[in-house]
Amino acid sequence: MPVMTIIGCRMFEDEIMHLLENDPEIEKVLVVENEDSQGIKGKMTGAGLEYTALPLEEIREKSAEKGKGLTLVIYMLELALHAIPENLKKTVYSKVELMAPRSDGILIFYGLCGNVLGKIEEDFGALDCRVCILKEENGEIVDDCIGAVLGGRKQYLQALKSCKGVGTFFLTPMWAANWREMIRTAGLSQNPDDVAMSKFVFDYAGYKRVARVNTGLVYEKNFEECVKEFSSLFEFEVTDLEGTLHLVENCYAKTKASILDACPQA
């Protein structure tokens, strides 16, 4: 039975949930049990999706067992890794090394994120397990989680241009739900509740607007309220941007197809 692993930042929880709910070829879902798996497990339970959570050491290495059904392994990583790019690279690479013997293919749910993951496919090219990262149609790796749900670099640049020089902070549902933690890890303020300090940094950097990126996903129930809180605290104007799941869906479909084509069938 083919095994596909997703290694991803928690920022992509909702997009991964969307894939889980809409892929009838998934026969079994395994979640690597760690402190960062709580969010997606809660969403899966809420959506009525069956899964098994196991510590990493209990997830067996892949076998030559034949079968058409797909086993999908979900390995979520902490939100704050991008704060130190070298730490991000070290962590993601180590997880690939751990999961490769257990997988027929791995899809990395990260972008360039400080340009440290730009050669990950090349660096693991000698593995029997295919390693892929989120890419645009032209083969370029996406910039980050915002670029991924806007559809790619071109759309990202268009969104930035539409801001007409006004500093704009982008919020997806997961960003909105976790903005305090992200502000702390970004170094804006050591105390996420110190709004005055964060506001000072935002003002100094020229931020005046927050863009609400509507992905169409509703796994974070308080998206609107979180955006309103954020905009009110920092006195930001709110503008709306339409997101898309096409890039994520396409990368997933291509990676899965390459795995199924290479695996023995019943």
C-alpha atoms as a PDB file:
ATOM      1  CA  MET A   1       0.000   0.000   0.000  1.00  0.00           C
ATOM      2  CA  PRO A   2       1.561   3.316  -1.050  1.00  0.00           C
ATOM      3  CA  VAL A   3       2.481   5.722   1.723  1.00  0.00           C
ATOM      4  CA  MET A   4       2.592   9.479   1.277  1.00  0.00           C
ATOM      5  CA  THR A   5       3.829  11.776   4.033  1.00  0.00           C
ATOM      6  CA  ILE A   6       3.037  15.432   4.460  1.00  0.00           C
ATOM      7  CA  ILE A   7       5.552  17.354   6.578  1.00  0.00           C
ATOM      8  CA  GLY A   8       4.172  20.805   7.180  1.00  0.00           C
ATOM      9  CA  CYS A   9       4.046  23.965   9.211  1.00  0.00           C
ATOM     10  CA  ARG A  10       0.961  24.310  11.364  1.00  0.00           C
ATOM     11  CA  MET A  11       0.074  27.355   9.268  1.00  0.00           C
ATOM     12  CA  PHE A  12      -1.081  24.884   6.620  1.00  0.00           C
ATOM     13  CA  GLU A  13      -3.435  22.959   8.916  1.00  0.00           C
ATOM     14  CA  ASP A  14      -6.545  24.142   7.105  1.00  0.00           C
ATOM     15  CA  GLU A  15      -5.223  23.432   3.618  1.00  0.00           C
ATOM     16  CA  ILE A  16      -4.165  19.928   4.683  1.00  0.00           C
ATOM     17  CA  MET A  17      -7.611  19.391   6.193  1.00  0.00           C
ATOM     18  CA  HIS A  18      -9.164  20.391   2.878  1.00  0.00           C
ATOM     19  CA  LEU A  19      -7.105  17.734   1.095  1.00  0.00           C
ATOM     20  CA  LEU A  20      -8.009  15.086   3.662  1.00  0.00           C
ATOM     21  CA  GLU A  21     -11.718  15.773   3.336  1.00  0.00           C
ATOM     22  CA  ASN A  22     -11.730  15.766  -0.444  1.00  0.00           C
ATOM     23  CA  ASP A  23      -9.519  12.841  -1.465  1.00  0.00           C
ATOM     24  CA  PRO A  24     -11.491   9.577  -1.763  1.00  0.00           C
ATOM     25  CA  GLU A  25      -8.281   7.641  -2.514  1.00  0.00           C
ATOM     26  CA  ILE A  26      -7.063   7.998   1.075  1.00  0.00           C
ATOM     27  CA  GLU A  27      -7.672   4.718   2.864  1.00  0.00           C
ATOM     28  CA  LYS A  28      -5.815   5.378   6.109  1.00  0.00           C
ATOM     29  CA  VAL A  29      -4.573   8.505   7.897  1.00  0.00           C
ATOM     30  CA  LEU A  30      -1.771   8.390  10.447  1.00  0.00           C
ATOM     31  CA  VAL A  31      -0.813  11.438  12.494  1.00  0.00           C
ATOM     32  CA  VAL A  32       2.631  11.652  14.072  1.00  0.00           C
ATOM     33  CA  GLU A  33       1.875  12.349  17.718  1.00  0.00           C
ATOM     34  CA  ASN A  34       3.645  15.454  18.996  1.00  0.00           C
ATOM     35  CA  GLU A  35       2.781  18.747  20.663  1.00  0.00           C
ATOM     36  CA  ASP A  36       2.088  20.334  17.264  1.00  0.00           C
ATOM     37  CA  SER A  37      -0.440  17.722  16.155  1.00  0.00           C
ATOM     38  CA  GLN A  38      -3.176  18.821  18.568  1.00  0.00           C
ATOM     39  CA  GLY A  39      -4.676  21.411  16.237  1.00  0.00           C
ATOM     40  CA  ILE A  40      -5.135  19.212  13.197  1.00  0.00           C
ATOM     41  CA  LYS A  41      -6.313  16.269  15.304  1.00  0.00           C
ATOM     42  CA  GLY A  42      -9.016  18.469  16.773  1.00  0.00           C
ATOM     43  CA  LYS A  43     -10.110  19.590  13.313  1.00  0.00           C
ATOM     44  CA  MET A  44     -10.144  16.024  12.017  1.00  0.00           C
ATOM     45  CA  THR A  45     -12.247  14.909  14.962  1.00  0.00           C
ATOM     46  CA  GLY A  46     -14.608  17.833  14.420  1.00  0.00           C
ATOM     47  CA  ALA A  47     -14.980  16.922  10.752  1.00  0.00           C
ATOM     48  CA  GLY A  48     -15.638  13.271  11.548  1.00  0.00           C
ATOM     49  CA  LEU A  49     -12.453  12.025   9.864  1.00  0.00           C
ATOM     50  CA  GLU A  50     -10.965   8.781  11.105  1.00  0.00           C
ATOM     51  CA  TYR A  51      -7.261   8.753  11.934  1.00  0.00           C
ATOM     52  CA  THR A  52      -4.723   7.033  14.124  1.00  0.00           C
ATOM     53  CA  ALA A  53      -2.234   9.082  16.144  1.00  0.00           C
ATOM     54  CA  LEU A  54       1.056   7.323  16.828  1.00  0.00           C
ATOM     55  CA  PRO A  55       4.464   8.326  18.160  1.00  0.00           C
ATOM     56  CA  LEU A  56       7.031   8.402  15.383  1.00  0.00           C
ATOM     57  CA  GLU A  57       8.792   5.230  16.517  1.00  0.00           C
ATOM     58  CA  GLU A  58       5.557   3.248  16.092  1.00  0.00           C
ATOM     59  CA  ILE A  59       5.122   4.214  12.439  1.00  0.00           C
ATOM     60  CA  ARG A  60       6.620   1.329  10.551  1.00  0.00           C
ATOM     61  CA  GLU A  61       8.916   1.480   7.570  1.00  0.00           C
ATOM     62  CA  LYS A  62       7.211   1.050   4.218  1.00  0.00           C
ATOM     63  CA  SER A  63       6.682  -2.440   2.875  1.00  0.00           C
ATOM     64  CA  ALA A  64       6.145  -3.966  -0.559  1.00  0.00           C
ATOM     65  CA  GLU A  65       2.521  -4.705   0.298  1.00  0.00           C
ATOM     66  CA  LYS A  66       0.354  -4.296  -2.772  1.00  0.00           C
ATOM     67  CA  GLY A  67      -2.809  -2.256  -2.824  1.00  0.00           C
ATOM     68  CA  LYS A  68      -4.448   0.780  -4.342  1.00  0.00           C
ATOM     69  CA  GLY A  69      -5.512   2.532  -1.160  1.00  0.00           C
ATOM     70  CA  LEU A  70      -3.299   5.397  -0.019  1.00  0.00           C
ATOM     71  CA  THR A  71      -1.928   5.747   3.490  1.00  0.00           C
ATOM     72  CA  LEU A  72      -1.357   9.408   4.310  1.00  0.00           C
ATOM     73  CA  VAL A  73       0.964  10.315   7.176  1.00  0.00           C
ATOM     74  CA  ILE A  74       0.674  13.817   8.644  1.00  0.00           C
ATOM     75  CA  TYR A  75       3.689  15.273  10.459  1.00  0.00           C
ATOM     76  CA  MET A  76       2.993  18.793  11.735  1.00  0.00           C
ATOM     77  CA  LEU A  77       5.773  21.141  12.842  1.00  0.00           C
ATOM     78  CA  GLU A  78       5.682  24.196  15.087  1.00  0.00           C
ATOM     79  CA  LEU A  79       4.634  27.642  13.933  1.00  0.00           C
ATOM     80  CA  ALA A  80       7.799  29.406  15.002  1.00  0.00           C
ATOM     81  CA  LEU A  81      10.447  27.551  12.987  1.00  0.00           C
ATOM     82  CA  HIS A  82      10.698  30.247  10.313  1.00  0.00           C
ATOM     83  CA  ALA A  83      11.939  32.755  12.934  1.00  0.00           C
ATOM     84  CA  ILE A  84      15.421  31.213  12.653  1.00  0.00           C
ATOM     85  CA  PRO A  85      15.903  30.047   9.043  1.00  0.00           C
ATOM     86  CA  GLU A  86      18.807  27.728   9.780  1.00  0.00           C
ATOM     87  CA  ASN A  87      16.801  26.042  12.520  1.00  0.00           C
ATOM     88  CA  LEU A  88      13.930  25.635  10.053  1.00  0.00           C
ATOM     89  CA  LYS A  89      16.209  23.960   7.524  1.00  0.00           C
ATOM     90  CA  LYS A  90      17.812  21.669  10.101  1.00  0.00           C
ATOM     91  CA  THR A  91      14.439  20.591  11.471  1.00  0.00           C
ATOM     92  CA  VAL A  92      12.720  19.978   8.150  1.00  0.00           C
ATOM     93  CA  TYR A  93      15.702  18.085   6.745  1.00  0.00           C
ATOM     94  CA  SER A  94      15.861  15.900   9.859  1.00  0.00           C
ATOM     95  CA  LYS A  95      12.161  15.048   9.554  1.00  0.00           C
ATOM     96  CA  VAL A  96      12.608  14.108   5.890  1.00  0.00           C
ATOM     97  CA  GLU A  97      15.445  11.772   6.880  1.00  0.00           C
ATOM     98  CA  LEU A  98      13.230  10.181   9.539  1.00  0.00           C
ATOM     99  CA  MET A  99      10.198   9.763   7.275  1.00  0.00           C
ATOM    100  CA  ALA A 100      11.903   8.694   4.045  1.00  0.00           C
ATOM    101  CA  PRO A 101      12.263   5.001   5.094  1.00  0.00           C
ATOM    102  CA  ARG A 102       8.577   5.065   6.069  1.00  0.00           C
ATOM    103  CA  SER A 103       7.288   6.720   2.875  1.00  0.00           C
ATOM    104  CA  ASP A 104       7.075   6.319  -0.881  1.00  0.00           C
ATOM    105  CA  GLY A 105       6.903  10.084  -1.248  1.00  0.00           C
ATOM    106  CA  ILE A 106       7.006  13.233   0.882  1.00  0.00           C
ATOM    107  CA  LEU A 107       5.362  16.591   0.225  1.00  0.00           C
ATOM    108  CA  ILE A 108       6.799  19.523   2.176  1.00  0.00           C
ATOM    109  CA  PHE A 109       4.218  22.141   3.148  1.00  0.00           C
ATOM    110  CA  TYR A 110       6.631  25.067   3.330  1.00  0.00           C
ATOM    111  CA  GLY A 111       7.835  27.711   0.910  1.00  0.00           C
ATOM    112  CA  LEU A 112      11.271  29.231   0.543  1.00  0.00           C
ATOM    113  CA  CYS A 113      10.904  30.729   4.031  1.00  0.00           C
ATOM    114  CA  GLY A 114      14.167  32.670   4.134  1.00  0.00           C
ATOM    115  CA  ASN A 115      15.484  30.793   1.098  1.00  0.00           C
ATOM    116  CA  VAL A 116      16.736  27.839   3.153  1.00  0.00           C
ATOM    117  CA  LEU A 117      14.555  25.166   1.520  1.00  0.00           C
ATOM    118  CA  GLY A 118      15.258  26.090  -2.100  1.00  0.00           C
ATOM    119  CA  LYS A 119      17.377  22.991  -2.764  1.00  0.00           C
ATOM    120  CA  ILE A 120      15.542  20.421  -0.674  1.00  0.00           C
ATOM    121  CA  GLU A 121      14.397  18.351  -3.654  1.00  0.00           C
ATOM    122  CA  GLU A 122      17.914  18.342  -5.086  1.00  0.00           C
ATOM    123  CA  ASP A 123      19.508  17.539  -1.741  1.00  0.00           C
ATOM    124  CA  PHE A 124      17.303  14.467  -1.321  1.00  0.00           C
ATOM    125  CA  GLY A 125      17.298  13.477  -4.977  1.00  0.00           C
ATOM    126  CA  ALA A 126      19.197  10.240  -4.333  1.00  0.00           C
ATOM    127  CA  LEU A 127      16.542   8.830  -2.010  1.00  0.00           C
ATOM    128  CA  ASP A 128      14.195   6.072  -3.116  1.00  0.00           C
ATOM    129  CA  CYS A 129      11.490   8.208  -1.544  1.00  0.00           C
ATOM    130  CA  ARG A 130      10.554  11.170  -3.728  1.00  0.00           C
ATOM    131  CA  VAL A 131      10.694  14.519  -1.902  1.00  0.00           C
ATOM    132  CA  CYS A 132       8.613  17.443  -3.200  1.00  0.00           C
ATOM    133  CA  ILE A 133       7.896  20.960  -1.939  1.00  0.00           C
ATOM    134  CA  LEU A 134       5.065  23.362  -2.772  1.00  0.00           C
ATOM    135  CA  LYS A 135       5.677  24.807  -6.232  1.00  0.00           C
ATOM    136  CA  GLU A 136       4.023  26.961  -8.832  1.00  0.00           C
ATOM    137  CA  GLU A 137       3.164  25.725 -12.332  1.00  0.00           C
ATOM    138  CA  ASN A 138       6.467  27.117 -13.639  1.00  0.00           C
ATOM    139  CA  GLY A 139       8.433  24.996 -11.172  1.00  0.00           C
ATOM    140  CA  GLU A 140       9.379  27.797  -8.793  1.00  0.00           C
ATOM    141  CA  ILE A 141       9.013  27.143  -5.081  1.00  0.00           C
ATOM    142  CA  VAL A 142       6.376  29.337  -3.439  1.00  0.00           C
ATOM    143  CA  ASP A 143       7.622  32.143  -1.235  1.00  0.00           C
ATOM    144  CA  ASP A 144       5.682  31.298   1.914  1.00  0.00           C
ATOM    145  CA  CYS A 145       2.287  30.277   3.281  1.00  0.00           C
ATOM    146  CA  ILE A 146       0.679  33.537   2.121  1.00  0.00           C
ATOM    147  CA  GLY A 147       2.014  33.164  -1.408  1.00  0.00           C
ATOM    148  CA  ALA A 148       0.760  29.571  -1.501  1.00  0.00           C
ATOM    149  CA  VAL A 149      -2.871  30.513  -0.826  1.00  0.00           C
ATOM    150  CA  LEU A 150      -2.786  33.581  -3.055  1.00  0.00           C
ATOM    151  CA  GLY A 151      -1.824  31.316  -5.955  1.00  0.00           C
ATOM    152  CA  GLY A 152       1.867  32.051  -6.412  1.00  0.00           C
ATOM    153  CA  ARG A 153       4.416  34.829  -6.814  1.00  0.00           C
ATOM    154  CA  LYS A 154       2.594  36.689  -9.580  1.00  0.00           C
ATOM    155  CA  GLN A 155      -0.600  36.908  -7.557  1.00  0.00           C
ATOM    156  CA  TYR A 156       1.406  37.764  -4.438  1.00  0.00           C
ATOM    157  CA  LEU A 157       3.035  40.705  -6.235  1.00  0.00           C
ATOM    158  CA  GLN A 158      -0.339  41.818  -7.573  1.00  0.00           C
ATOM    159  CA  ALA A 159      -1.728  41.800  -4.042  1.00  0.00           C
ATOM    160  CA  LEU A 160       1.214  43.854  -2.800  1.00  0.00           C
ATOM    161  CA  LYS A 161       0.804  46.335  -5.660  1.00  0.00           C
ATOM    162  CA  SER A 162      -2.881  46.662  -4.857  1.00  0.00           C
ATOM    163  CA  CYS A 163      -1.843  47.966  -1.444  1.00  0.00           C
ATOM    164  CA  LYS A 164      -0.380  51.004  -3.267  1.00  0.00           C
ATOM    165  CA  GLY A 165       2.582  51.407  -0.969  1.00  0.00           C
ATOM    166  CA  VAL A 166       0.589  51.130   2.246  1.00  0.00           C
ATOM    167  CA  GLY A 167       2.177  48.660   4.684  1.00  0.00           C
ATOM    168  CA  THR A 168      -0.189  45.701   4.823  1.00  0.00           C
ATOM    169  CA  PHE A 169      -0.171  42.685   7.124  1.00  0.00           C
ATOM    170  CA  PHE A 170      -1.689  39.536   5.592  1.00  0.00           C
ATOM    171  CA  LEU A 171      -3.890  37.266   7.715  1.00  0.00           C
ATOM    172  CA  THR A 172      -5.075  33.823   6.681  1.00  0.00           C
ATOM    173  CA  PRO A 173      -7.412  32.045   9.131  1.00  0.00           C
ATOM    174  CA  MET A 174      -4.465  30.290  10.816  1.00  0.00           C
ATOM    175  CA  TRP A 175      -2.424  33.486  10.950  1.00  0.00           C
ATOM    176  CA  ALA A 176      -5.396  35.302  12.480  1.00  0.00           C
ATOM    177  CA  ALA A 177      -5.875  32.595  15.106  1.00  0.00           C
ATOM    178  CA  ASN A 178      -2.196  32.618  16.072  1.00  0.00           C
ATOM    179  CA  TRP A 179      -1.086  36.205  15.519  1.00  0.00           C
ATOM    180  CA  ARG A 180       0.021  36.745  19.124  1.00  0.00           C
ATOM    181  CA  GLU A 181       2.387  33.776  19.006  1.00  0.00           C
ATOM    182  CA  MET A 182       3.679  34.797  15.575  1.00  0.00           C
ATOM    183  CA  ILE A 183       4.352  38.356  16.726  1.00  0.00           C
ATOM    184  CA  ARG A 184       6.346  37.008  19.668  1.00  0.00           C
ATOM    185  CA  THR A 185       8.441  34.635  17.561  1.00  0.00           C
ATOM    186  CA  ALA A 186       9.029  37.343  14.960  1.00  0.00           C
ATOM    187  CA  GLY A 187      10.641  39.443  17.671  1.00  0.00           C
ATOM    188  CA  LEU A 188       8.137  42.299  17.608  1.00  0.00           C
ATOM    189  CA  SER A 189       7.574  41.851  21.319  1.00  0.00           C
ATOM    190  CA  GLN A 190       8.677  39.259  23.861  1.00  0.00           C
ATOM    191  CA  ASN A 191       5.266  39.598  25.472  1.00  0.00           C
ATOM    192  CA  PRO A 192       2.478  38.846  22.957  1.00  0.00           C
ATOM    193  CA  ASP A 193       0.067  40.795  25.163  1.00  0.00           C
ATOM    194  CA  ASP A 194       2.234  43.924  25.022  1.00  0.00           C
ATOM    195  CA  VAL A 195       0.154  45.531  22.304  1.00  0.00           C
ATOM    196  CA  ALA A 196       1.766  48.938  22.800  1.00  0.00           C
ATOM    197  CA  MET A 197       5.222  47.618  21.904  1.00  0.00           C
ATOM    198  CA  SER A 198       3.932  45.668  18.903  1.00  0.00           C
ATOM    199  CA  LYS A 199       1.994  48.713  17.734  1.00  0.00           C
ATOM    200  CA  PHE A 200       5.119  50.842  18.004  1.00  0.00           C
ATOM    201  CA  VAL A 201       7.009  48.370  15.790  1.00  0.00           C
ATOM    202  CA  PHE A 202       4.152  48.210  13.272  1.00  0.00           C
ATOM    203  CA  ASP A 203       3.933  52.014  13.133  1.00  0.00           C
ATOM    204  CA  TYR A 204       7.693  52.323  12.700  1.00  0.00           C
ATOM    205  CA  ALA A 205       7.585  49.821   9.822  1.00  0.00           C
ATOM    206  CA  GLY A 206       4.751  51.726   8.156  1.00  0.00           C
ATOM    207  CA  TYR A 207       1.968  49.176   8.566  1.00  0.00           C
ATOM    208  CA  LYS A 208      -1.509  50.693   8.350  1.00  0.00           C
ATOM    209  CA  ARG A 209      -3.683  47.941   6.928  1.00  0.00           C
ATOM    210  CA  VAL A 210      -4.523  44.267   7.421  1.00  0.00           C
ATOM    211  CA  ALA A 211      -5.508  42.080   4.479  1.00  0.00           C
ATOM    212  CA  ARG A 212      -8.028  39.366   5.307  1.00  0.00           C
ATOM    213  CA  VAL A 213      -7.158  36.462   2.974  1.00  0.00           C
ATOM    214  CA  ASN A 214     -10.360  34.528   2.373  1.00  0.00           C
ATOM    215  CA  THR A 215      -9.368  30.948   1.524  1.00  0.00           C
ATOM    216  CA  GLY A 216     -12.918  29.590   1.637  1.00  0.00           C
ATOM    217  CA  LEU A 217     -11.964  27.261   4.476  1.00  0.00           C
ATOM    218  CA  VAL A 218     -13.908  27.418   7.723  1.00  0.00           C
ATOM    219  CA  TYR A 219     -11.923  25.175  10.066  1.00  0.00           C
ATOM    220  CA  GLU A 220     -10.955  28.208  12.165  1.00  0.00           C
ATOM    221  CA  LYS A 221     -14.372  29.269  13.418  1.00  0.00           C
ATOM    222  CA  ASN A 222     -13.366  32.697  14.757  1.00  0.00           C
ATOM    223  CA  PHE A 223     -11.592  34.092  11.693  1.00  0.00           C
ATOM    224  CA  GLU A 224     -13.718  37.237  11.451  1.00  0.00           C
ATOM    225  CA  GLU A 225     -13.486  37.944  15.166  1.00  0.00           C
ATOM    226  CA  CYS A 226      -9.709  37.485  15.182  1.00  0.00           C
ATOM    227  CA  VAL A 227      -9.249  39.867  12.269  1.00  0.00           C
ATOM    228  CA  LYS A 228     -11.492  42.432  13.944  1.00  0.00           C
ATOM    229  CA  GLU A 229      -9.511  42.144  17.188  1.00  0.00           C
ATOM    230  CA  PHE A 230      -6.201  42.509  15.344  1.00  0.00           C
ATOM    231  CA  SER A 231      -7.369  45.513  13.315  1.00  0.00           C
ATOM    232  CA  SER A 232      -8.888  47.200  16.351  1.00  0.00           C
ATOM    233  CA  LEU A 233      -5.848  46.765  18.586  1.00  0.00           C
ATOM    234  CA  PHE A 234      -3.432  48.125  15.983  1.00  0.00           C
ATOM    235  CA  GLU A 235      -5.856  50.603  14.396  1.00  0.00           C
ATOM    236  CA  PHE A 236      -5.521  48.988  10.961  1.00  0.00           C
ATOM    237  CA  GLU A 237      -7.907  49.369   8.084  1.00  0.00           C
ATOM    238  CA  VAL A 238      -9.251  45.992   6.873  1.00  0.00           C
ATOM    239  CA  THR A 239      -9.174  44.997   3.227  1.00  0.00           C
ATOM    240  CA  ASP A 240     -10.192  41.701   1.650  1.00  0.00           C
ATOM    241  CA  LEU A 241      -8.240  39.417  -0.666  1.00  0.00           C
ATOM    242  CA  GLU A 242      -9.526  36.265  -2.290  1.00  0.00           C
ATOM    243  CA  GLY A 243      -7.361  33.217  -1.799  1.00  0.00           C
ATOM    244  CA  THR A 244      -7.220  30.040  -3.863  1.00  0.00           C
ATOM    245  CA  LEU A 245      -6.486  26.404  -3.107  1.00  0.00           C
ATOM    246  CA  HIS A 246      -5.448  25.597  -6.669  1.00  0.00           C
ATOM    247  CA  LEU A 247      -1.701  25.632  -6.041  1.00  0.00           C
ATOM    248  CA  VAL A 248      -1.927  23.399  -2.967  1.00  0.00           C
ATOM    249  CA  GLU A 249      -4.350  21.003  -4.665  1.00  0.00           C
ATOM    250  CA  ASN A 250      -2.164  20.795  -7.766  1.00  0.00           C
ATOM    251  CA  CYS A 251       1.037  20.056  -5.822  1.00  0.00           C
ATOM    252  CA  TYR A 252      -0.717  17.393  -3.794  1.00  0.00           C
ATOM    253  CA  ALA A 253      -2.257  15.767  -6.866  1.00  0.00           C
ATOM    254  CA  LYS A 254       1.058  15.681  -8.747  1.00  0.00           C
ATOM    255  CA  THR A 255       2.980  14.231  -5.820  1.00  0.00           C
ATOM    256  CA  LYS A 256       0.313  11.621  -5.131  1.00  0.00           C
ATOM    257  CA  ALA A 257       0.122  10.624  -8.808  1.00  0.00           C
ATOM    258  CA  SER A 258       3.894  10.104  -8.972  1.00  0.00           C
ATOM    259  CA  ILE A 259       3.738   7.886  -5.883  1.00  0.00           C
ATOM    260  CA  LEU A 260       0.805   5.780  -7.099  1.00  0.00           C
ATOM    261  CA  ASP A 261       2.381   5.344 -10.532  1.00  0.00           C
ATOM    262  CA  ALA A 262       5.619   4.059  -8.983  1.00  0.00           C
ATOM    263  CA  CYS A 263       4.046   1.691  -6.445  1.00  0.00           C
ATOM    264  CA  PRO A 264       2.959  -1.899  -7.149  1.00  0.00           C
ATOM    265  CA  GLN A 265      -0.784  -2.286  -7.537  1.00  0.00           C
ATOM    266  CA  ALA A 266      -2.987  -5.166  -6.558  1.00  0.00           C
END
